[in-house]
Amino acid sequence: MRIKFSRHAKRRAKLYDISESAVTDILTGMNLAIGEHEIVKKVPGCSYPLKIIVSVEGDRLTVITNYPLKKGRTK
């Protein structure tokens, strides 16, 4: 599955100092169905969990946005 980052996701990652490799590591281990998904995961080295919104279309996965969930809520 190919992972593509939207322009917005790249800007958020740079703003919050989130590495693209951390996001791709989270997404490669998941089996996602077609559609939009909201993922909240705790990442080592980050004080808050990451919230990642992705869209899956065929064999392409597009990261729409990613940012630290400041309230610390997890699903």
PDB file of N, CA and C in Angstrom:
ATOM      1  N   MET A   1       0.844  -1.174   0.000  1.00  0.00           N
ATOM      2  CA  MET A   1       0.000   0.000   0.000  1.00  0.00           C
ATOM      3  C   MET A   1       0.896   1.246   0.000  1.00  0.00           C
ATOM      4  N   ARG A   2       0.597   2.172  -0.885  1.00  0.00           N
ATOM      5  CA  ARG A   2       1.356   3.421  -0.962  1.00  0.00           C
ATOM      6  C   ARG A   2       0.788   4.430   0.026  1.00  0.00           C
ATOM      7  N   ILE A   3       1.672   5.132   0.735  1.00  0.00           N
ATOM      8  CA  ILE A   3       1.252   6.145   1.692  1.00  0.00           C
ATOM      9  C   ILE A   3       1.660   7.508   1.156  1.00  0.00           C
ATOM     10  N   LYS A   4       0.681   8.406   1.053  1.00  0.00           N
ATOM     11  CA  LYS A   4       0.923   9.754   0.548  1.00  0.00           C
ATOM     12  C   LYS A   4       0.492  10.744   1.629  1.00  0.00           C
ATOM     13  N   PHE A   5       1.279  11.793   1.822  1.00  0.00           N
ATOM     14  CA  PHE A   5       0.957  12.830   2.787  1.00  0.00           C
ATOM     15  C   PHE A   5       0.400  14.044   2.054  1.00  0.00           C
ATOM     16  N   SER A   6      -0.741  14.558   2.516  1.00  0.00           N
ATOM     17  CA  SER A   6      -1.288  15.776   1.920  1.00  0.00           C
ATOM     18  C   SER A   6      -0.426  16.960   2.338  1.00  0.00           C
ATOM     19  N   ARG A   7      -0.600  18.058   1.659  1.00  0.00           N
ATOM     20  CA  ARG A   7       0.156  19.261   1.979  1.00  0.00           C
ATOM     21  C   ARG A   7      -0.126  19.705   3.416  1.00  0.00           C
ATOM     22  N   HIS A   8      -1.381  19.606   3.816  1.00  0.00           N
ATOM     23  CA  HIS A   8      -1.777  19.963   5.180  1.00  0.00           C
ATOM     24  C   HIS A   8      -1.075  19.064   6.204  1.00  0.00           C
ATOM     25  N   ALA A   9      -1.037  17.763   5.937  1.00  0.00           N
ATOM     26  CA  ALA A   9      -0.400  16.820   6.856  1.00  0.00           C
ATOM     27  C   ALA A   9       1.097  17.098   6.985  1.00  0.00           C
ATOM     28  N   LYS A  10       1.742  17.441   5.887  1.00  0.00           N
ATOM     29  CA  LYS A  10       3.175  17.771   5.937  1.00  0.00           C
ATOM     30  C   LYS A  10       3.415  19.016   6.784  1.00  0.00           C
ATOM     31  N   ARG A  11       2.553  20.005   6.638  1.00  0.00           N
ATOM     32  CA  ARG A  11       2.701  21.232   7.418  1.00  0.00           C
ATOM     33  C   ARG A  11       2.458  20.990   8.905  1.00  0.00           C
ATOM     34  N   ARG A  12       1.457  20.196   9.245  1.00  0.00           N
ATOM     35  CA  ARG A  12       1.179  19.875  10.650  1.00  0.00           C
ATOM     36  C   ARG A  12       2.339  19.075  11.261  1.00  0.00           C
ATOM     37  N   ALA A  13       2.883  18.150  10.494  1.00  0.00           N
ATOM     38  CA  ALA A  13       4.005  17.341  10.995  1.00  0.00           C
ATOM     39  C   ALA A  13       5.205  18.234  11.281  1.00  0.00           C
ATOM     40  N   LYS A  14       5.462  19.193  10.411  1.00  0.00           N
ATOM     41  CA  LYS A  14       6.584  20.102  10.626  1.00  0.00           C
ATOM     42  C   LYS A  14       6.314  21.014  11.821  1.00  0.00           C
ATOM     43  N   LEU A  15       5.089  21.512  11.951  1.00  0.00           N
ATOM     44  CA  LEU A  15       4.731  22.408  13.034  1.00  0.00           C
ATOM     45  C   LEU A  15       4.883  21.737  14.399  1.00  0.00           C
ATOM     46  N   TYR A  16       4.425  20.486  14.507  1.00  0.00           N
ATOM     47  CA  TYR A  16       4.451  19.772  15.781  1.00  0.00           C
ATOM     48  C   TYR A  16       5.649  18.839  15.926  1.00  0.00           C
ATOM     49  N   ASP A  17       6.588  18.906  14.986  1.00  0.00           N
ATOM     50  CA  ASP A  17       7.814  18.105  15.026  1.00  0.00           C
ATOM     51  C   ASP A  17       7.503  16.600  15.089  1.00  0.00           C
ATOM     52  N   ILE A  18       6.636  16.158  14.183  1.00  0.00           N
ATOM     53  CA  ILE A  18       6.272  14.742  14.062  1.00  0.00           C
ATOM     54  C   ILE A  18       6.983  14.198  12.826  1.00  0.00           C
ATOM     55  N   SER A  19       7.726  13.116  12.991  1.00  0.00           N
ATOM     56  CA  SER A  19       8.430  12.556  11.835  1.00  0.00           C
ATOM     57  C   SER A  19       7.460  11.737  10.981  1.00  0.00           C
ATOM     58  N   GLU A  20       7.662  11.811   9.675  1.00  0.00           N
ATOM     59  CA  GLU A  20       6.818  11.039   8.763  1.00  0.00           C
ATOM     60  C   GLU A  20       7.023   9.544   8.972  1.00  0.00           C
ATOM     61  N   SER A  21       8.218   9.166   9.394  1.00  0.00           N
ATOM     62  CA  SER A  21       8.483   7.738   9.625  1.00  0.00           C
ATOM     63  C   SER A  21       7.661   7.208  10.798  1.00  0.00           C
ATOM     64  N   ALA A  22       7.408   8.032  11.817  1.00  0.00           N
ATOM     65  CA  ALA A  22       6.580   7.602  12.947  1.00  0.00           C
ATOM     66  C   ALA A  22       5.151   7.335  12.484  1.00  0.00           C
ATOM     67  N   VAL A  23       4.643   8.191  11.610  1.00  0.00           N
ATOM     68  CA  VAL A  23       3.282   8.021  11.095  1.00  0.00           C
ATOM     69  C   VAL A  23       3.212   6.795  10.185  1.00  0.00           C
ATOM     70  N   THR A  24       4.198   6.627   9.307  1.00  0.00           N
ATOM     71  CA  THR A  24       4.175   5.463   8.411  1.00  0.00           C
ATOM     72  C   THR A  24       4.337   4.168   9.185  1.00  0.00           C
ATOM     73  N   ASP A  25       5.109   4.167  10.269  1.00  0.00           N
ATOM     74  CA  ASP A  25       5.238   2.963  11.098  1.00  0.00           C
ATOM     75  C   ASP A  25       3.901   2.565  11.707  1.00  0.00           C
ATOM     76  N   ILE A  26       3.136   3.549  12.142  1.00  0.00           N
ATOM     77  CA  ILE A  26       1.814   3.272  12.707  1.00  0.00           C
ATOM     78  C   ILE A  26       0.881   2.717  11.637  1.00  0.00           C
ATOM     79  N   LEU A  27       0.909   3.305  10.455  1.00  0.00           N
ATOM     80  CA  LEU A  27      -0.045   2.931   9.407  1.00  0.00           C
ATOM     81  C   LEU A  27       0.294   1.611   8.727  1.00  0.00           C
ATOM     82  N   THR A  28       1.571   1.244   8.633  1.00  0.00           N
ATOM     83  CA  THR A  28       1.917  -0.002   7.950  1.00  0.00           C
ATOM     84  C   THR A  28       1.453  -1.225   8.728  1.00  0.00           C
ATOM     85  N   GLY A  29       1.315  -1.119  10.027  1.00  0.00           N
ATOM     86  CA  GLY A  29       0.882  -2.251  10.828  1.00  0.00           C
ATOM     87  C   GLY A  29      -0.626  -2.418  10.883  1.00  0.00           C
ATOM     88  N   MET A  30      -1.378  -1.553  10.224  1.00  0.00           N
ATOM     89  CA  MET A  30      -2.835  -1.599  10.299  1.00  0.00           C
ATOM     90  C   MET A  30      -3.438  -2.107   8.989  1.00  0.00           C
ATOM     91  N   ASN A  31      -4.529  -2.819   9.122  1.00  0.00           N
ATOM     92  CA  ASN A  31      -5.285  -3.291   7.963  1.00  0.00           C
ATOM     93  C   ASN A  31      -6.555  -2.455   7.890  1.00  0.00           C
ATOM     94  N   LEU A  32      -6.547  -1.425   7.046  1.00  0.00           N
ATOM     95  CA  LEU A  32      -7.652  -0.482   6.978  1.00  0.00           C
ATOM     96  C   LEU A  32      -8.537  -0.742   5.763  1.00  0.00           C
ATOM     97  N   ALA A  33      -9.839  -0.627   5.962  1.00  0.00           N
ATOM     98  CA  ALA A  33     -10.805  -0.787   4.876  1.00  0.00           C
ATOM     99  C   ALA A  33     -10.903   0.527   4.102  1.00  0.00           C
ATOM    100  N   ILE A  34     -11.549   0.484   2.963  1.00  0.00           N
ATOM    101  CA  ILE A  34     -11.724   1.677   2.135  1.00  0.00           C
ATOM    102  C   ILE A  34     -12.618   2.667   2.873  1.00  0.00           C
ATOM    103  N   GLY A  35     -12.225   3.942   2.826  1.00  0.00           N
ATOM    104  CA  GLY A  35     -12.967   5.009   3.496  1.00  0.00           C
ATOM    105  C   GLY A  35     -12.047   5.869   4.330  1.00  0.00           C
ATOM    106  N   GLU A  36     -12.635   6.708   5.191  1.00  0.00           N
ATOM    107  CA  GLU A  36     -11.853   7.575   6.059  1.00  0.00           C
ATOM    108  C   GLU A  36     -11.784   6.973   7.456  1.00  0.00           C
ATOM    109  N   HIS A  37     -10.610   7.123   8.080  1.00  0.00           N
ATOM    110  CA  HIS A  37     -10.380   6.557   9.404  1.00  0.00           C
ATOM    111  C   HIS A  37      -9.705   7.584  10.297  1.00  0.00           C
ATOM    112  N   GLU A  38     -10.023   7.508  11.583  1.00  0.00           N
ATOM    113  CA  GLU A  38      -9.424   8.362  12.598  1.00  0.00           C
ATOM    114  C   GLU A  38      -8.652   7.453  13.552  1.00  0.00           C
ATOM    115  N   ILE A  39      -7.358   7.668  13.672  1.00  0.00           N
ATOM    116  CA  ILE A  39      -6.501   6.800  14.473  1.00  0.00           C
ATOM    117  C   ILE A  39      -5.857   7.631  15.570  1.00  0.00           C
ATOM    118  N   VAL A  40      -5.929   7.141  16.808  1.00  0.00           N
ATOM    119  CA  VAL A  40      -5.273   7.789  17.936  1.00  0.00           C
ATOM    120  C   VAL A  40      -4.320   6.764  18.549  1.00  0.00           C
ATOM    121  N   LYS A  41      -3.016   7.075  18.539  1.00  0.00           N
ATOM    122  CA  LYS A  41      -2.004   6.142  19.032  1.00  0.00           C
ATOM    123  C   LYS A  41      -0.982   6.873  19.875  1.00  0.00           C
ATOM    124  N   LYS A  42      -0.549   6.221  20.936  1.00  0.00           N
ATOM    125  CA  LYS A  42       0.541   6.735  21.764  1.00  0.00           C
ATOM    126  C   LYS A  42       1.853   6.359  21.087  1.00  0.00           C
ATOM    127  N   VAL A  43       2.733   7.352  20.925  1.00  0.00           N
ATOM    128  CA  VAL A  43       4.011   7.152  20.255  1.00  0.00           C
ATOM    129  C   VAL A  43       5.127   7.412  21.256  1.00  0.00           C
ATOM    130  N   PRO A  44       6.113   6.509  21.346  1.00  0.00           N
ATOM    131  CA  PRO A  44       7.238   6.759  22.251  1.00  0.00           C
ATOM    132  C   PRO A  44       7.975   8.042  21.853  1.00  0.00           C
ATOM    133  N   GLY A  45       8.320   8.840  22.833  1.00  0.00           N
ATOM    134  CA  GLY A  45       9.023  10.089  22.568  1.00  0.00           C
ATOM    135  C   GLY A  45       8.103  11.292  22.484  1.00  0.00           C
ATOM    136  N   CYS A  46       6.805  11.065  22.417  1.00  0.00           N
ATOM    137  CA  CYS A  46       5.829  12.158  22.381  1.00  0.00           C
ATOM    138  C   CYS A  46       5.058  12.167  23.693  1.00  0.00           C
ATOM    139  N   SER A  47       4.829  13.363  24.222  1.00  0.00           N
ATOM    140  CA  SER A  47       4.122  13.447  25.496  1.00  0.00           C
ATOM    141  C   SER A  47       2.609  13.263  25.336  1.00  0.00           C
ATOM    142  N   TYR A  48       2.102  13.497  24.135  1.00  0.00           N
ATOM    143  CA  TYR A  48       0.676  13.319  23.858  1.00  0.00           C
ATOM    144  C   TYR A  48       0.483  12.264  22.780  1.00  0.00           C
ATOM    145  N   PRO A  49      -0.679  11.595  22.774  1.00  0.00           N
ATOM    146  CA  PRO A  49      -0.946  10.658  21.670  1.00  0.00           C
ATOM    147  C   PRO A  49      -1.125  11.411  20.352  1.00  0.00           C
ATOM    148  N   LEU A  50      -0.819  10.732  19.248  1.00  0.00           N
ATOM    149  CA  LEU A  50      -0.980  11.325  17.921  1.00  0.00           C
ATOM    150  C   LEU A  50      -2.358  10.991  17.372  1.00  0.00           C
ATOM    151  N   LYS A  51      -2.982  11.963  16.749  1.00  0.00           N
ATOM    152  CA  LYS A  51      -4.239  11.737  16.052  1.00  0.00           C
ATOM    153  C   LYS A  51      -3.937  11.830  14.565  1.00  0.00           C
ATOM    154  N   ILE A  52      -4.292  10.789  13.840  1.00  0.00           N
ATOM    155  CA  ILE A  52      -4.016  10.705  12.412  1.00  0.00           C
ATOM    156  C   ILE A  52      -5.335  10.442  11.696  1.00  0.00           C
ATOM    157  N   ILE A  53      -5.651  11.281  10.717  1.00  0.00           N
ATOM    158  CA  ILE A  53      -6.848  11.093   9.888  1.00  0.00           C
ATOM    159  C   ILE A  53      -6.369  10.654   8.514  1.00  0.00           C
ATOM    160  N   VAL A  54      -6.864   9.494   8.054  1.00  0.00           N
ATOM    161  CA  VAL A  54      -6.429   8.958   6.767  1.00  0.00           C
ATOM    162  C   VAL A  54      -7.634   8.635   5.897  1.00  0.00           C
ATOM    163  N   SER A  55      -7.388   8.619   4.590  1.00  0.00           N
ATOM    164  CA  SER A  55      -8.384   8.215   3.606  1.00  0.00           C
ATOM    165  C   SER A  55      -7.780   7.081   2.793  1.00  0.00           C
ATOM    166  N   VAL A  56      -8.525   5.988   2.658  1.00  0.00           N
ATOM    167  CA  VAL A  56      -8.048   4.824   1.916  1.00  0.00           C
ATOM    168  C   VAL A  56      -8.869   4.691   0.638  1.00  0.00           C
ATOM    169  N   GLU A  57      -8.159   4.652  -0.495  1.00  0.00           N
ATOM    170  CA  GLU A  57      -8.794   4.476  -1.804  1.00  0.00           C
ATOM    171  C   GLU A  57      -7.980   3.455  -2.582  1.00  0.00           C
ATOM    172  N   GLY A  58      -8.499   2.271  -2.725  1.00  0.00           N
ATOM    173  CA  GLY A  58      -7.777   1.222  -3.445  1.00  0.00           C
ATOM    174  C   GLY A  58      -6.489   0.855  -2.729  1.00  0.00           C
ATOM    175  N   ASP A  59      -5.360   0.978  -3.413  1.00  0.00           N
ATOM    176  CA  ASP A  59      -4.078   0.647  -2.783  1.00  0.00           C
ATOM    177  C   ASP A  59      -3.343   1.901  -2.307  1.00  0.00           C
ATOM    178  N   ARG A  60      -4.033   3.049  -2.293  1.00  0.00           N
ATOM    179  CA  ARG A  60      -3.415   4.313  -1.876  1.00  0.00           C
ATOM    180  C   ARG A  60      -4.015   4.779  -0.556  1.00  0.00           C
ATOM    181  N   LEU A  61      -3.147   5.124   0.379  1.00  0.00           N
ATOM    182  CA  LEU A  61      -3.548   5.635   1.674  1.00  0.00           C
ATOM    183  C   LEU A  61      -3.058   7.084   1.760  1.00  0.00           C
ATOM    184  N   THR A  62      -3.966   8.026   1.962  1.00  0.00           N
ATOM    185  CA  THR A  62      -3.604   9.438   2.026  1.00  0.00           C
ATOM    186  C   THR A  62      -3.772   9.933   3.455  1.00  0.00           C
ATOM    187  N   VAL A  63      -2.695  10.478   4.023  1.00  0.00           N
ATOM    188  CA  VAL A  63      -2.754  11.068   5.354  1.00  0.00           C
ATOM    189  C   VAL A  63      -3.300  12.483   5.182  1.00  0.00           C
ATOM    190  N   ILE A  64      -4.484  12.741   5.724  1.00  0.00           N
ATOM    191  CA  ILE A  64      -5.122  14.040   5.586  1.00  0.00           C
ATOM    192  C   ILE A  64      -4.542  15.028   6.598  1.00  0.00           C
ATOM    193  N   THR A  65      -4.422  14.603   7.855  1.00  0.00           N
ATOM    194  CA  THR A  65      -3.826  15.431   8.890  1.00  0.00           C
ATOM    195  C   THR A  65      -3.258  14.549   9.988  1.00  0.00           C
ATOM    196  N   ASN A  66      -2.353  15.125  10.762  1.00  0.00           N
ATOM    197  CA  ASN A  66      -1.770  14.454  11.916  1.00  0.00           C
ATOM    198  C   ASN A  66      -1.313  15.516  12.902  1.00  0.00           C
ATOM    199  N   TYR A  67      -1.639  15.306  14.179  1.00  0.00           N
ATOM    200  CA  TYR A  67      -1.275  16.281  15.206  1.00  0.00           C
ATOM    201  C   TYR A  67      -1.356  15.621  16.573  1.00  0.00           C
ATOM    202  N   PRO A  68      -0.677  16.219  17.575  1.00  0.00           N
ATOM    203  CA  PRO A  68      -0.774  15.661  18.935  1.00  0.00           C
ATOM    204  C   PRO A  68      -2.133  16.004  19.535  1.00  0.00           C
ATOM    205  N   LEU A  69      -2.725  15.044  20.172  1.00  0.00           N
ATOM    206  CA  LEU A  69      -4.032  15.226  20.796  1.00  0.00           C
ATOM    207  C   LEU A  69      -3.788  15.816  22.178  1.00  0.00           C
ATOM    208  N   LYS A  70      -3.856  17.120  22.285  1.00  0.00           N
ATOM    209  CA  LYS A  70      -3.456  17.844  23.493  1.00  0.00           C
ATOM    210  C   LYS A  70      -4.285  17.480  24.718  1.00  0.00           C
ATOM    211  N   LYS A  71      -5.519  17.117  24.522  1.00  0.00           N
ATOM    212  CA  LYS A  71      -6.360  16.784  25.668  1.00  0.00           C
ATOM    213  C   LYS A  71      -5.992  15.426  26.250  1.00  0.00           C
ATOM    214  N   GLY A  72      -5.211  14.632  25.514  1.00  0.00           N
ATOM    215  CA  GLY A  72      -4.772  13.344  26.015  1.00  0.00           C
ATOM    216  C   GLY A  72      -5.826  12.259  25.953  1.00  0.00           C
ATOM    217  N   ARG A  73      -6.899  12.495  25.195  1.00  0.00           N
ATOM    218  CA  ARG A  73      -7.954  11.498  25.087  1.00  0.00           C
ATOM    219  C   ARG A  73      -7.558  10.410  24.097  1.00  0.00           C
ATOM    220  N   THR A  74      -7.866   9.187  24.416  1.00  0.00           N
ATOM    221  CA  THR A  74      -7.686   8.080  23.494  1.00  0.00           C
ATOM    222  C   THR A  74      -9.001   7.340  23.369  1.00  0.00           C
ATOM    223  N   LYS A  75      -9.206   6.735  22.236  1.00  0.00           N
ATOM    224  CA  LYS A  75     -10.450   5.984  22.011  1.00  0.00           C
ATOM    225  C   LYS A  75     -10.251   4.547  22.346  1.00  0.00           C
TER     226      LYS A  75
END
